[in-house]
Amino acid sequence: MKKILKRKKGQGMTEYILIIALIAILVIAGVKFFGRTVKDGFDSAGKTVKNEVAGGIQSGTGQAQ
């Protein structure tokens, strides 16, 4: 009886490992596929924020009160 329980626990652990490995593969593939697009989006957003802050400071509207 104990051998059967150990075998089921081992099978369950193996299934979890396979699921985690599949998720990791999907995440890596997603990063490779969408990585450049996401990076470009963040770069663009950062530049926009930087320009808005710099423009506000130069015009005097970006100062803390």
N, C-alpha and C. Protein backbone atom coordinates (compact mmCIF):
# COMPACT_ATOMS: atom_id res chain seq x y z
N MET A 1 0.83 -1.21 0.00
CA MET A 1 0.00 0.00 0.00
C MET A 1 0.87 1.27 0.00
N LYS A 2 1.96 1.25 0.78
CA LYS A 2 2.83 2.42 0.85
C LYS A 2 3.50 2.69 -0.50
N LYS A 3 3.83 1.62 -1.24
CA LYS A 3 4.45 1.80 -2.55
C LYS A 3 3.51 2.50 -3.51
N ILE A 4 2.23 2.17 -3.43
CA ILE A 4 1.24 2.81 -4.31
C ILE A 4 1.12 4.29 -3.99
N LEU A 5 1.08 4.64 -2.69
CA LEU A 5 0.99 6.05 -2.30
C LEU A 5 2.23 6.83 -2.73
N LYS A 6 3.41 6.21 -2.58
CA LYS A 6 4.63 6.89 -3.01
C LYS A 6 4.64 7.10 -4.52
N ARG A 7 4.16 6.10 -5.26
CA ARG A 7 4.12 6.21 -6.71
C ARG A 7 3.19 7.33 -7.14
N LYS A 8 2.06 7.47 -6.46
CA LYS A 8 1.11 8.54 -6.81
C LYS A 8 1.68 9.91 -6.48
N LYS A 9 2.39 10.01 -5.36
CA LYS A 9 3.03 11.28 -5.01
C LYS A 9 4.09 11.64 -6.03
N GLY A 10 4.87 10.66 -6.45
CA GLY A 10 5.90 10.90 -7.46
C GLY A 10 5.29 11.30 -8.79
N GLN A 11 4.17 10.69 -9.14
CA GLN A 11 3.49 11.02 -10.39
C GLN A 11 2.96 12.46 -10.33
N GLY A 12 2.38 12.83 -9.20
CA GLY A 12 1.87 14.20 -9.05
C GLY A 12 2.98 15.23 -9.13
N MET A 13 4.11 14.94 -8.50
CA MET A 13 5.25 15.86 -8.54
C MET A 13 5.77 15.99 -9.96
N THR A 14 5.85 14.89 -10.68
CA THR A 14 6.30 14.91 -12.07
C THR A 14 5.37 15.75 -12.93
N GLU A 15 4.09 15.63 -12.72
CA GLU A 15 3.13 16.42 -13.49
C GLU A 15 3.31 17.91 -13.21
N TYR A 16 3.52 18.27 -11.96
CA TYR A 16 3.74 19.69 -11.63
C TYR A 16 5.02 20.20 -12.29
N ILE A 17 6.07 19.40 -12.29
CA ILE A 17 7.33 19.81 -12.92
C ILE A 17 7.13 20.01 -14.41
N LEU A 18 6.39 19.12 -15.06
CA LEU A 18 6.14 19.26 -16.49
C LEU A 18 5.31 20.51 -16.79
N ILE A 19 4.34 20.81 -15.96
CA ILE A 19 3.52 22.01 -16.15
C ILE A 19 4.38 23.26 -15.99
N ILE A 20 5.23 23.29 -14.97
CA ILE A 20 6.09 24.45 -14.74
C ILE A 20 7.08 24.62 -15.91
N ALA A 21 7.61 23.51 -16.41
CA ALA A 21 8.53 23.57 -17.54
C ALA A 21 7.81 24.12 -18.78
N LEU A 22 6.59 23.68 -19.02
CA LEU A 22 5.82 24.18 -20.16
C LEU A 22 5.54 25.67 -20.04
N ILE A 23 5.18 26.11 -18.85
CA ILE A 23 4.93 27.54 -18.62
C ILE A 23 6.21 28.33 -18.86
N ALA A 24 7.34 27.83 -18.37
CA ALA A 24 8.63 28.52 -18.56
C ALA A 24 8.96 28.63 -20.05
N ILE A 25 8.72 27.56 -20.80
CA ILE A 25 8.99 27.60 -22.24
C ILE A 25 8.10 28.63 -22.92
N LEU A 26 6.82 28.68 -22.54
CA LEU A 26 5.90 29.66 -23.12
C LEU A 26 6.31 31.09 -22.79
N VAL A 27 6.76 31.32 -21.56
CA VAL A 27 7.19 32.67 -21.16
C VAL A 27 8.43 33.08 -21.95
N ILE A 28 9.38 32.17 -22.09
CA ILE A 28 10.59 32.48 -22.85
C ILE A 28 10.25 32.78 -24.30
N ALA A 29 9.37 31.98 -24.89
CA ALA A 29 8.96 32.22 -26.28
C ALA A 29 8.25 33.57 -26.40
N GLY A 30 7.40 33.90 -25.43
CA GLY A 30 6.70 35.18 -25.46
C GLY A 30 7.64 36.36 -25.35
N VAL A 31 8.63 36.24 -24.49
CA VAL A 31 9.61 37.32 -24.35
C VAL A 31 10.41 37.49 -25.63
N LYS A 32 10.80 36.37 -26.24
CA LYS A 32 11.55 36.46 -27.50
C LYS A 32 10.68 37.07 -28.60
N PHE A 33 9.41 36.72 -28.64
CA PHE A 33 8.53 37.19 -29.69
C PHE A 33 8.13 38.65 -29.50
N PHE A 34 7.76 39.03 -28.27
CA PHE A 34 7.26 40.37 -28.00
C PHE A 34 8.28 41.28 -27.33
N GLY A 35 9.46 40.79 -27.04
CA GLY A 35 10.46 41.55 -26.28
C GLY A 35 10.80 42.90 -26.89
N ARG A 36 11.09 42.93 -28.17
CA ARG A 36 11.49 44.17 -28.83
C ARG A 36 10.33 45.18 -28.82
N THR A 37 9.12 44.71 -29.06
CA THR A 37 7.95 45.59 -29.09
C THR A 37 7.72 46.22 -27.72
N VAL A 38 7.81 45.40 -26.67
CA VAL A 38 7.61 45.91 -25.31
C VAL A 38 8.72 46.89 -24.94
N LYS A 39 9.96 46.57 -25.30
CA LYS A 39 11.08 47.46 -25.00
C LYS A 39 10.90 48.80 -25.71
N ASP A 40 10.52 48.75 -26.97
CA ASP A 40 10.30 50.00 -27.72
C ASP A 40 9.18 50.83 -27.10
N GLY A 41 8.13 50.16 -26.64
CA GLY A 41 7.03 50.87 -25.99
C GLY A 41 7.46 51.56 -24.71
N PHE A 42 8.25 50.86 -23.89
CA PHE A 42 8.74 51.46 -22.65
C PHE A 42 9.70 52.61 -22.94
N ASP A 43 10.55 52.43 -23.95
CA ASP A 43 11.47 53.52 -24.32
C ASP A 43 10.70 54.75 -24.77
N SER A 44 9.68 54.55 -25.58
CA SER A 44 8.87 55.66 -26.07
C SER A 44 8.15 56.36 -24.91
N ALA A 45 7.58 55.59 -24.01
CA ALA A 45 6.89 56.17 -22.86
C ALA A 45 7.86 56.95 -21.98
N GLY A 46 9.06 56.41 -21.78
CA GLY A 46 10.07 57.09 -20.97
C GLY A 46 10.49 58.41 -21.58
N LYS A 47 10.67 58.41 -22.89
CA LYS A 47 11.05 59.66 -23.57
C LYS A 47 9.94 60.70 -23.47
N THR A 48 8.69 60.25 -23.59
CA THR A 48 7.56 61.17 -23.50
C THR A 48 7.50 61.80 -22.11
N VAL A 49 7.65 60.97 -21.08
CA VAL A 49 7.62 61.49 -19.71
C VAL A 49 8.78 62.46 -19.49
N LYS A 50 9.96 62.09 -19.96
CA LYS A 50 11.13 62.95 -19.79
C LYS A 50 10.91 64.30 -20.47
N ASN A 51 10.37 64.29 -21.69
CA ASN A 51 10.11 65.54 -22.42
C ASN A 51 9.05 66.39 -21.72
N GLU A 52 8.01 65.74 -21.21
CA GLU A 52 6.96 66.48 -20.51
C GLU A 52 7.49 67.12 -19.24
N VAL A 53 8.30 66.39 -18.49
CA VAL A 53 8.87 66.93 -17.25
C VAL A 53 9.82 68.08 -17.57
N ALA A 54 10.67 67.86 -18.57
CA ALA A 54 11.62 68.91 -18.94
C ALA A 54 10.89 70.15 -19.44
N GLY A 55 9.84 69.98 -20.21
CA GLY A 55 9.06 71.11 -20.72
C GLY A 55 8.35 71.84 -19.60
N GLY A 56 7.84 71.11 -18.63
CA GLY A 56 7.16 71.74 -17.49
C GLY A 56 8.11 72.54 -16.62
N ILE A 57 9.32 72.05 -16.44
CA ILE A 57 10.31 72.74 -15.62
C ILE A 57 10.76 74.01 -16.32
N GLN A 58 10.97 73.93 -17.62
CA GLN A 58 11.43 75.10 -18.37
C GLN A 58 10.37 76.20 -18.41
N SER A 59 9.09 75.82 -18.45
CA SER A 59 8.04 76.83 -18.50
C SER A 59 7.62 77.30 -17.10
N GLY A 60 8.16 76.66 -16.07
CA GLY A 60 7.86 77.08 -14.69
C GLY A 60 6.63 76.40 -14.12
N THR A 61 5.99 75.50 -14.85
CA THR A 61 4.78 74.84 -14.33
C THR A 61 5.10 73.53 -13.61
N GLY A 62 6.32 73.05 -13.71
CA GLY A 62 6.68 71.78 -13.12
C GLY A 62 7.31 71.90 -11.74
N GLN A 63 7.28 73.07 -11.13
CA GLN A 63 7.91 73.24 -9.84
C GLN A 63 6.97 72.85 -8.71
N ALA A 64 7.53 72.26 -7.67
CA ALA A 64 6.75 71.86 -6.51
C ALA A 64 6.38 73.11 -5.69
N GLN A 65 5.23 73.04 -5.06
CA GLN A 65 4.80 74.19 -4.25
C GLN A 65 4.97 73.92 -2.79
